[in-house]
Amino acid sequence: MKRKLYVAVWGMSLLTACSAPKTGAPEWFENAVKTSDHQLLYMAEQLKDVPDTACFPRSTKADGSYRLENAKDWTSGFYPGSMWLAYELSGDEALAKEARRYTDRLEDIQYYTGNHDIGFMMYCSYGNALRLKPEPKDKEILINSSESLCARFSPEIGLIRSWDFGDWSYPVIIDNMMNLEMLFWASEQTGNSKYRDIAIAHADKTLKNHFRENMTSYHVVSYSVPSGKVESKGTFQGYADSSAWARGQAWGVYGYTMCYRFTKNSVYLEAAHKIARFIMENRPSGNDYIPYWDYDAPDIPNAPRDASAAAVTASALLELYAYTEDQSLSDAYIEYAENILKQLSSPDYLAKENENKGFILMHSVGSFPHDSEVDVPLNYADYYYLEAMKRYKDLKKF
């Protein structure tokens, strides 16, 4: 029988209670939870007087100051989402209070159609709020957000458009797989199959055109309008058009694992297994689980690491294991994810309290080709690290 753990635990329609870690959690885990709790509240204190117009901490700048963004930035939902997850891990009500404060600052985004990442922005914030400390408006806000995401879907192309900039006719990036979760959720909540149908159409065409034979992913695939035919395959944030951008592989394994959760389509599950296999077989070394920012970076082993890619991968594997019939493979996923989390929770990656501007993890890469956010903290690294930690806690029953 297939395990049902994350169908129950991580389906966003299920409202769950929050509890502090029980006795028996390993020391590295308890230290990481304590540090994360402290860092997020420390950051909130540092930013308490920042105007609401640009209050979302995304990363740090070259001078060490905060990189703050407004609500329309694609990363705006990760800081409140991180606080919700940290609250779920520790039970600290101060985190829930700050999480709600930052979540509510995103309310107007429910009607924003200028960003395909509204799934990241709203589902990571309001989705977790709805699970943990729901307010009457939360569900409606997420449904409206799903409508806004659907506005970027072209029936002719069969995909949700990712970007509105650049020379591409109709660009779609692998990252967009992550935003489908909100659409699946909306379909379950409303009974309207439109959201699910759009998510499946996007997942199917992405699987057809984004992946190479070894299941590494192109970052950007552009389509001709109105024919919907592929006009180019390349990258924007990776090393080269033909390379395997690390976070892109992580988005892929997470995205297709999540799609399997909602559809039980074995094609998605097989895709997730194959992407996971590439990641696991191409780690830096036998005892090193944090990938370089691109698997084909020319200066390996001196290339920067990407903790964000590792965190997303760990979270994905902790769900993928639950759908894996092969016991040895299932165990391998758990072990690999555990090793990622232990390494991220070590002094090499886990910040000291009151340092790193309050971010939890160090050493992530945003866009190396643009010299943007290289070897810095990133709020989405923190988010998926905490999500993976929560999934690990549920698995181990601490």
Protein backbone atom coordinates (compact mmCIF):
# COMPACT_ATOMS: atom_id res chain seq x y z
CA MET A 1 0.00 0.00 0.00
CA LYS A 2 1.30 3.44 -0.86
CA ARG A 3 2.03 5.74 2.02
CA LYS A 4 -0.49 8.55 2.47
CA LEU A 5 1.50 10.71 4.86
CA TYR A 6 1.88 13.87 2.83
CA VAL A 7 -1.46 13.65 1.15
CA ALA A 8 -2.89 14.19 4.62
CA VAL A 9 -0.26 16.31 6.22
CA TRP A 10 0.58 18.65 3.37
CA GLY A 11 -2.70 18.96 1.48
CA MET A 12 -3.40 22.65 2.03
CA SER A 13 -7.13 22.07 2.41
CA LEU A 14 -6.49 20.35 5.73
CA LEU A 15 -6.33 22.63 8.76
CA THR A 16 -3.66 21.43 11.13
CA ALA A 17 -2.67 22.33 14.64
CA CYS A 18 0.76 23.52 15.59
CA SER A 19 2.91 21.94 18.27
CA ALA A 20 6.45 22.36 19.50
CA PRO A 21 9.01 19.63 18.79
CA LYS A 22 8.60 16.66 21.12
CA THR A 23 11.37 15.19 23.18
CA GLY A 24 13.46 12.86 21.10
CA ALA A 25 14.31 15.15 18.20
CA PRO A 26 18.02 15.03 17.38
CA GLU A 27 20.17 17.86 18.66
CA TRP A 28 20.92 19.24 15.20
CA PHE A 29 17.19 19.47 14.50
CA GLU A 30 16.30 21.21 17.73
CA ASN A 31 19.17 23.65 17.31
CA ALA A 32 18.04 24.44 13.77
CA VAL A 33 14.46 25.08 14.87
CA LYS A 34 15.62 27.30 17.72
CA THR A 35 17.94 29.25 15.42
CA SER A 36 15.26 29.65 12.76
CA ASP A 37 12.74 30.92 15.29
CA HIS A 38 15.22 33.44 16.62
CA GLN A 39 16.39 34.64 13.22
CA LEU A 40 12.94 35.28 11.82
CA LEU A 41 11.85 37.27 14.87
CA TYR A 42 15.16 39.12 14.92
CA MET A 43 14.55 40.13 11.32
CA ALA A 44 11.02 41.29 12.12
CA GLU A 45 12.43 43.48 14.88
CA GLN A 46 15.02 44.97 12.54
CA LEU A 47 12.33 45.79 9.99
CA LYS A 48 9.58 46.99 12.34
CA ASP A 49 9.83 50.61 11.19
CA VAL A 50 10.11 49.89 7.46
CA PRO A 51 7.14 51.27 5.47
CA ASP A 52 4.68 48.73 4.10
CA THR A 53 5.44 49.79 0.53
CA ALA A 54 8.77 47.91 0.47
CA CYS A 55 8.90 45.69 3.52
CA PHE A 56 9.54 42.15 2.30
CA PRO A 57 13.09 40.94 2.97
CA ARG A 58 14.37 39.03 -0.05
CA SER A 59 18.15 38.91 0.40
CA THR A 60 21.11 41.14 1.18
CA LYS A 61 22.92 43.68 -0.97
CA ALA A 62 26.65 43.94 -1.61
CA ASP A 63 27.00 46.46 1.23
CA GLY A 64 25.39 44.03 3.66
CA SER A 65 22.07 45.87 3.90
CA TYR A 66 18.69 44.29 3.29
CA ARG A 67 17.33 43.82 -0.18
CA LEU A 68 13.71 44.76 0.44
CA GLU A 69 10.93 44.38 -2.11
CA ASN A 70 7.31 45.41 -2.46
CA ALA A 71 4.37 43.04 -2.52
CA LYS A 72 4.56 42.52 -6.31
CA ASP A 73 8.00 40.91 -6.15
CA TRP A 74 7.88 37.18 -6.84
CA THR A 75 9.51 36.40 -3.49
CA SER A 76 7.14 38.43 -1.29
CA GLY A 77 5.29 35.43 0.14
CA PHE A 78 8.31 33.54 1.41
CA TYR A 79 9.06 35.56 4.54
CA PRO A 80 5.54 35.31 5.97
CA GLY A 81 5.46 31.70 4.80
CA SER A 82 8.69 30.97 6.65
CA MET A 83 7.26 32.41 9.83
CA TRP A 84 4.15 30.25 9.50
CA LEU A 85 6.31 27.14 9.09
CA ALA A 86 8.59 28.12 11.96
CA TYR A 87 5.51 28.65 14.12
CA GLU A 88 4.32 25.19 13.18
CA LEU A 89 7.67 23.75 14.24
CA SER A 90 8.14 25.65 17.50
CA GLY A 91 4.70 26.77 18.65
CA ASP A 92 5.99 30.31 19.25
CA GLU A 93 2.95 32.59 19.05
CA ALA A 94 5.16 35.60 18.33
CA LEU A 95 5.93 34.02 14.97
CA ALA A 96 2.26 33.54 14.18
CA LYS A 97 1.59 37.18 14.99
CA GLU A 98 4.33 38.41 12.66
CA ALA A 99 3.36 35.88 10.01
CA ARG A 100 -0.20 37.21 9.95
CA ARG A 101 1.01 40.81 9.84
CA TYR A 102 3.18 40.19 6.77
CA THR A 103 0.61 37.90 5.15
CA ASP A 104 -2.09 40.57 5.33
CA ARG A 105 0.21 43.00 3.54
CA LEU A 106 -0.23 40.80 0.47
CA GLU A 107 -4.02 40.97 0.35
CA ASP A 108 -4.20 43.19 -2.75
CA ILE A 109 -2.02 40.76 -4.71
CA GLN A 110 -5.03 38.45 -5.08
CA TYR A 111 -6.03 40.54 -8.10
CA TYR A 112 -2.55 40.94 -9.58
CA THR A 113 -2.15 39.38 -13.03
CA GLY A 114 1.32 40.69 -13.84
CA ASN A 115 3.26 37.80 -12.32
CA HIS A 116 3.03 34.04 -12.86
CA ASP A 117 4.58 33.58 -9.43
CA ILE A 118 1.42 34.59 -7.64
CA GLY A 119 1.36 30.97 -6.50
CA PHE A 120 4.59 31.49 -4.60
CA MET A 121 3.41 34.86 -3.32
CA MET A 122 -0.02 33.85 -2.06
CA TYR A 123 0.01 30.11 -1.46
CA CYS A 124 3.18 30.18 0.66
CA SER A 125 1.66 32.96 2.78
CA TYR A 126 -2.13 32.63 2.81
CA GLY A 127 -2.00 28.90 2.18
CA ASN A 128 -0.06 28.30 5.37
CA ALA A 129 -2.20 30.83 7.23
CA LEU A 130 -5.30 28.91 6.18
CA ARG A 131 -3.83 25.67 7.52
CA LEU A 132 -2.62 27.02 10.82
CA LYS A 133 -4.58 30.08 11.95
CA PRO A 134 -7.29 30.70 9.39
CA GLU A 135 -9.30 33.87 9.10
CA PRO A 136 -12.58 34.06 7.18
CA LYS A 137 -11.09 35.91 4.20
CA ASP A 138 -8.14 33.58 3.60
CA LYS A 139 -9.89 31.03 1.40
CA GLU A 140 -11.54 33.63 -0.82
CA ILE A 141 -8.24 35.45 -1.24
CA LEU A 142 -6.58 32.25 -2.46
CA ILE A 143 -9.39 31.50 -4.87
CA ASN A 144 -9.16 35.03 -6.28
CA SER A 145 -5.40 34.55 -6.56
CA SER A 146 -6.00 31.39 -8.55
CA GLU A 147 -8.26 33.32 -10.91
CA SER A 148 -5.49 35.84 -11.39
CA LEU A 149 -3.01 33.09 -12.23
CA CYS A 150 -5.47 31.58 -14.71
CA ALA A 151 -5.57 34.93 -16.51
CA ARG A 152 -2.02 34.20 -17.67
CA PHE A 153 -3.05 30.92 -19.33
CA SER A 154 -3.42 30.82 -23.09
CA PRO A 155 -5.70 28.06 -24.40
CA GLU A 156 -4.01 28.35 -27.80
CA ILE A 157 -0.53 27.85 -26.36
CA GLY A 158 -1.68 25.48 -23.63
CA LEU A 159 0.58 27.02 -20.95
CA ILE A 160 0.71 29.74 -18.33
CA ARG A 161 2.93 32.57 -19.54
CA SER A 162 5.86 33.16 -17.20
CA TRP A 163 7.45 36.50 -18.07
CA ASP A 164 6.38 39.70 -19.79
CA PHE A 165 9.90 40.93 -20.52
CA GLY A 166 12.64 39.98 -22.96
CA ASP A 167 12.64 39.01 -26.62
CA TRP A 168 10.71 35.76 -26.22
CA SER A 169 7.29 35.46 -27.83
CA TYR A 170 5.76 33.38 -25.05
CA PRO A 171 8.31 32.33 -22.41
CA VAL A 172 7.67 29.53 -19.94
CA ILE A 173 10.19 28.73 -17.20
CA ILE A 174 10.55 25.52 -15.22
CA ASP A 175 9.94 27.51 -12.01
CA ASN A 176 6.30 27.87 -13.06
CA MET A 177 5.64 24.26 -12.11
CA MET A 178 5.63 25.35 -8.48
CA ASN A 179 2.66 27.68 -8.96
CA LEU A 180 0.36 24.88 -10.08
CA GLU A 181 -0.19 23.73 -6.50
CA MET A 182 -2.49 26.66 -5.81
CA LEU A 183 -4.58 25.80 -8.89
CA PHE A 184 -5.00 22.17 -7.83
CA TRP A 185 -6.00 23.36 -4.38
CA ALA A 186 -8.53 25.82 -5.82
CA SER A 187 -10.15 23.11 -7.90
CA GLU A 188 -10.57 20.90 -4.84
CA GLN A 189 -12.00 23.76 -2.80
CA THR A 190 -14.46 25.07 -5.38
CA GLY A 191 -15.34 21.96 -7.35
CA ASN A 192 -14.45 23.92 -10.48
CA SER A 193 -12.33 21.76 -12.77
CA LYS A 194 -11.00 24.80 -14.65
CA TYR A 195 -8.11 25.31 -12.27
CA ARG A 196 -7.10 21.65 -12.35
CA ASP A 197 -7.43 21.47 -16.13
CA ILE A 198 -5.10 24.44 -16.57
CA ALA A 199 -2.57 22.98 -14.14
CA ILE A 200 -2.58 19.63 -15.94
CA ALA A 201 -2.28 21.24 -19.37
CA HIS A 202 0.71 23.24 -18.18
CA ALA A 203 2.37 20.26 -16.52
CA ASP A 204 1.89 18.05 -19.57
CA LYS A 205 3.31 20.48 -22.11
CA THR A 206 6.19 21.40 -19.81
CA LEU A 207 7.07 17.73 -19.42
CA LYS A 208 6.98 17.30 -23.19
CA ASN A 209 9.23 20.24 -24.07
CA HIS A 210 11.38 21.24 -21.09
CA PHE A 211 13.30 18.03 -20.47
CA ARG A 212 16.23 16.35 -22.14
CA GLU A 213 16.75 12.59 -22.37
CA ASN A 214 18.53 12.50 -18.99
CA MET A 215 15.65 14.51 -17.44
CA THR A 216 17.66 17.65 -16.90
CA SER A 217 15.60 20.71 -17.65
CA TYR A 218 15.92 23.71 -19.88
CA HIS A 219 15.23 26.85 -17.90
CA VAL A 220 13.26 28.80 -20.53
CA VAL A 221 11.21 27.41 -23.39
CA SER A 222 9.57 29.98 -25.64
CA TYR A 223 6.59 29.29 -27.88
CA SER A 224 5.40 30.89 -31.09
CA VAL A 225 2.11 32.74 -30.98
CA PRO A 226 -0.53 31.65 -31.86
CA SER A 227 0.70 28.26 -33.07
CA GLY A 228 2.04 27.12 -29.71
CA LYS A 229 5.08 25.53 -31.33
CA VAL A 230 8.46 25.64 -29.59
CA GLU A 231 10.62 28.46 -30.96
CA SER A 232 13.58 28.24 -28.57
CA LYS A 233 15.00 26.34 -25.61
CA GLY A 234 17.59 27.94 -23.38
CA THR A 235 18.44 29.49 -20.06
CA PHE A 236 18.33 32.81 -18.28
CA GLN A 237 19.82 32.00 -14.88
CA GLY A 238 21.85 28.90 -15.72
CA TYR A 239 25.38 28.58 -17.08
CA ALA A 240 24.42 27.70 -20.65
CA ASP A 241 21.41 26.75 -22.74
CA SER A 242 22.50 23.12 -22.56
CA SER A 243 23.44 23.06 -18.87
CA ALA A 244 21.56 21.78 -15.83
CA TRP A 245 20.76 24.79 -13.64
CA ALA A 246 20.60 23.42 -10.10
CA ARG A 247 17.48 25.16 -8.87
CA GLY A 248 15.72 24.29 -12.11
CA GLN A 249 16.23 20.60 -11.38
CA ALA A 250 14.87 21.16 -7.87
CA TRP A 251 11.78 22.96 -9.18
CA GLY A 252 11.22 20.03 -11.52
CA VAL A 253 11.36 17.21 -8.98
CA TYR A 254 9.23 19.18 -6.54
CA GLY A 255 6.72 20.20 -9.20
CA TYR A 256 6.06 16.76 -10.62
CA THR A 257 5.94 15.13 -7.19
CA MET A 258 3.30 17.67 -6.22
CA CYS A 259 1.38 17.09 -9.47
CA TYR A 260 1.29 13.37 -8.69
CA ARG A 261 -0.15 14.12 -5.26
CA PHE A 262 -3.19 15.77 -6.83
CA THR A 263 -3.64 13.65 -9.96
CA LYS A 264 -2.12 10.23 -9.25
CA ASN A 265 -0.87 10.32 -12.85
CA SER A 266 1.98 7.81 -12.98
CA VAL A 267 3.65 9.80 -15.77
CA TYR A 268 4.31 12.61 -13.29
CA LEU A 269 5.62 10.20 -10.69
CA GLU A 270 8.03 8.62 -13.16
CA ALA A 271 9.27 12.07 -14.16
CA ALA A 272 9.90 12.95 -10.51
CA HIS A 273 11.84 9.72 -9.99
CA LYS A 274 14.05 10.38 -13.01
CA ILE A 275 14.81 13.98 -12.03
CA ALA A 276 15.60 12.84 -8.49
CA ARG A 277 17.95 10.20 -9.87
CA PHE A 278 19.94 12.80 -11.79
CA ILE A 279 20.23 15.03 -8.72
CA MET A 280 21.33 12.21 -6.46
CA GLU A 281 23.82 10.79 -8.93
CA ASN A 282 25.44 14.19 -9.56
CA ARG A 283 26.03 15.56 -6.08
CA PRO A 284 29.43 17.15 -5.44
CA SER A 285 30.80 14.13 -3.56
CA GLY A 286 29.75 11.16 -1.48
CA ASN A 287 29.43 13.24 1.69
CA ASP A 288 28.43 16.56 0.13
CA TYR A 289 24.79 17.15 -0.76
CA ILE A 290 24.64 20.87 -1.57
CA PRO A 291 24.81 21.34 -5.34
CA TYR A 292 26.84 23.91 -7.19
CA TRP A 293 24.63 26.61 -8.68
CA ASP A 294 24.77 24.77 -12.02
CA TYR A 295 25.72 21.13 -12.46
CA ASP A 296 27.81 22.15 -15.48
CA ALA A 297 29.44 25.27 -14.03
CA PRO A 298 32.93 25.53 -15.57
CA ASP A 299 34.78 26.34 -12.34
CA ILE A 300 33.69 23.37 -10.24
CA PRO A 301 34.85 22.70 -7.48
CA ASN A 302 35.28 26.43 -6.92
CA ALA A 303 31.80 27.37 -8.13
CA PRO A 304 29.33 28.80 -5.59
CA ARG A 305 26.88 26.43 -3.96
CA ASP A 306 23.12 26.94 -3.97
CA ALA A 307 21.52 26.15 -0.64
CA SER A 308 18.12 27.08 -2.09
CA ALA A 309 18.31 24.25 -4.63
CA ALA A 310 19.27 21.83 -1.86
CA ALA A 311 16.38 22.93 0.36
CA VAL A 312 13.79 22.57 -2.40
CA THR A 313 15.18 19.14 -3.27
CA ALA A 314 15.06 17.95 0.35
CA SER A 315 11.43 18.96 0.68
CA ALA A 316 10.54 17.27 -2.60
CA LEU A 317 12.25 14.00 -1.72
CA LEU A 318 10.46 13.86 1.63
CA GLU A 319 7.20 13.82 -0.27
CA LEU A 320 8.37 11.64 -3.14
CA TYR A 321 9.37 8.87 -0.72
CA ALA A 322 5.72 8.53 0.31
CA TYR A 323 4.71 7.57 -3.22
CA THR A 324 7.58 5.12 -3.79
CA GLU A 325 6.80 1.40 -3.73
CA ASP A 326 10.44 0.29 -3.92
CA GLN A 327 11.57 0.20 -0.30
CA SER A 328 15.25 0.63 -1.08
CA LEU A 329 14.53 3.67 -3.25
CA SER A 330 12.15 5.08 -0.66
CA ASP A 331 14.84 4.71 2.01
CA ALA A 332 17.37 6.35 -0.31
CA TYR A 333 15.14 9.41 -0.70
CA ILE A 334 14.75 9.77 3.06
CA GLU A 335 18.47 9.34 3.64
CA TYR A 336 19.39 11.84 0.95
CA ALA A 337 16.95 14.44 2.25
CA GLU A 338 18.16 13.88 5.81
CA ASN A 339 21.75 14.40 4.72
CA ILE A 340 20.82 17.63 2.98
CA LEU A 341 19.08 18.89 6.10
CA LYS A 342 21.97 17.93 8.35
CA GLN A 343 24.42 19.73 6.10
CA LEU A 344 22.22 22.82 5.85
CA SER A 345 21.87 22.73 9.64
CA SER A 346 25.63 22.71 10.14
CA PRO A 347 27.70 25.86 10.81
CA ASP A 348 28.69 25.83 7.14
CA TYR A 349 25.19 26.91 6.11
CA LEU A 350 23.09 27.70 9.19
CA ALA A 351 23.60 31.28 10.33
CA LYS A 352 24.49 32.21 13.86
CA GLU A 353 21.85 34.05 15.82
CA ASN A 354 21.72 37.80 15.11
CA GLU A 355 23.94 37.36 12.04
CA ASN A 356 23.16 37.01 8.32
CA LYS A 357 20.64 39.88 8.73
CA GLY A 358 18.24 37.42 10.31
CA PHE A 359 18.08 35.03 7.37
CA ILE A 360 18.40 31.39 8.34
CA LEU A 361 20.63 29.93 5.65
CA MET A 362 23.79 31.20 4.01
CA HIS A 363 25.26 30.49 0.56
CA SER A 364 22.53 30.59 -2.05
CA VAL A 365 22.63 31.87 -5.63
CA GLY A 366 19.91 33.84 -7.33
CA SER A 367 21.20 34.54 -10.85
CA PHE A 368 24.89 33.96 -11.35
CA PRO A 369 24.98 35.12 -15.02
CA HIS A 370 23.62 38.50 -13.94
CA ASP A 371 25.90 38.75 -10.88
CA SER A 372 22.72 39.01 -8.85
CA GLU A 373 22.42 37.49 -5.39
CA VAL A 374 25.52 35.32 -5.57
CA ASP A 375 26.58 33.60 -2.33
CA VAL A 376 23.95 35.36 -0.24
CA PRO A 377 20.94 34.39 1.86
CA LEU A 378 17.64 34.05 -0.01
CA ASN A 379 14.20 34.01 1.56
CA TYR A 380 13.02 31.07 -0.53
CA ALA A 381 15.97 28.98 0.63
CA ASP A 382 14.75 29.58 4.19
CA TYR A 383 11.16 28.74 3.26
CA TYR A 384 11.85 25.38 1.66
CA TYR A 385 14.37 24.50 4.35
CA LEU A 386 11.66 24.98 6.99
CA GLU A 387 9.11 23.10 4.89
CA ALA A 388 11.56 20.20 4.58
CA MET A 389 12.22 20.32 8.32
CA LYS A 390 8.49 20.11 9.01
CA ARG A 391 8.09 17.18 6.64
CA TYR A 392 11.08 15.48 8.27
CA LYS A 393 9.56 16.02 11.73
CA ASP A 394 6.27 14.50 10.62
CA LEU A 395 8.08 11.53 9.12
CA LYS A 396 10.18 10.86 12.20
CA LYS A 397 7.30 11.64 14.59
CA PHE A 398 9.37 13.73 16.99
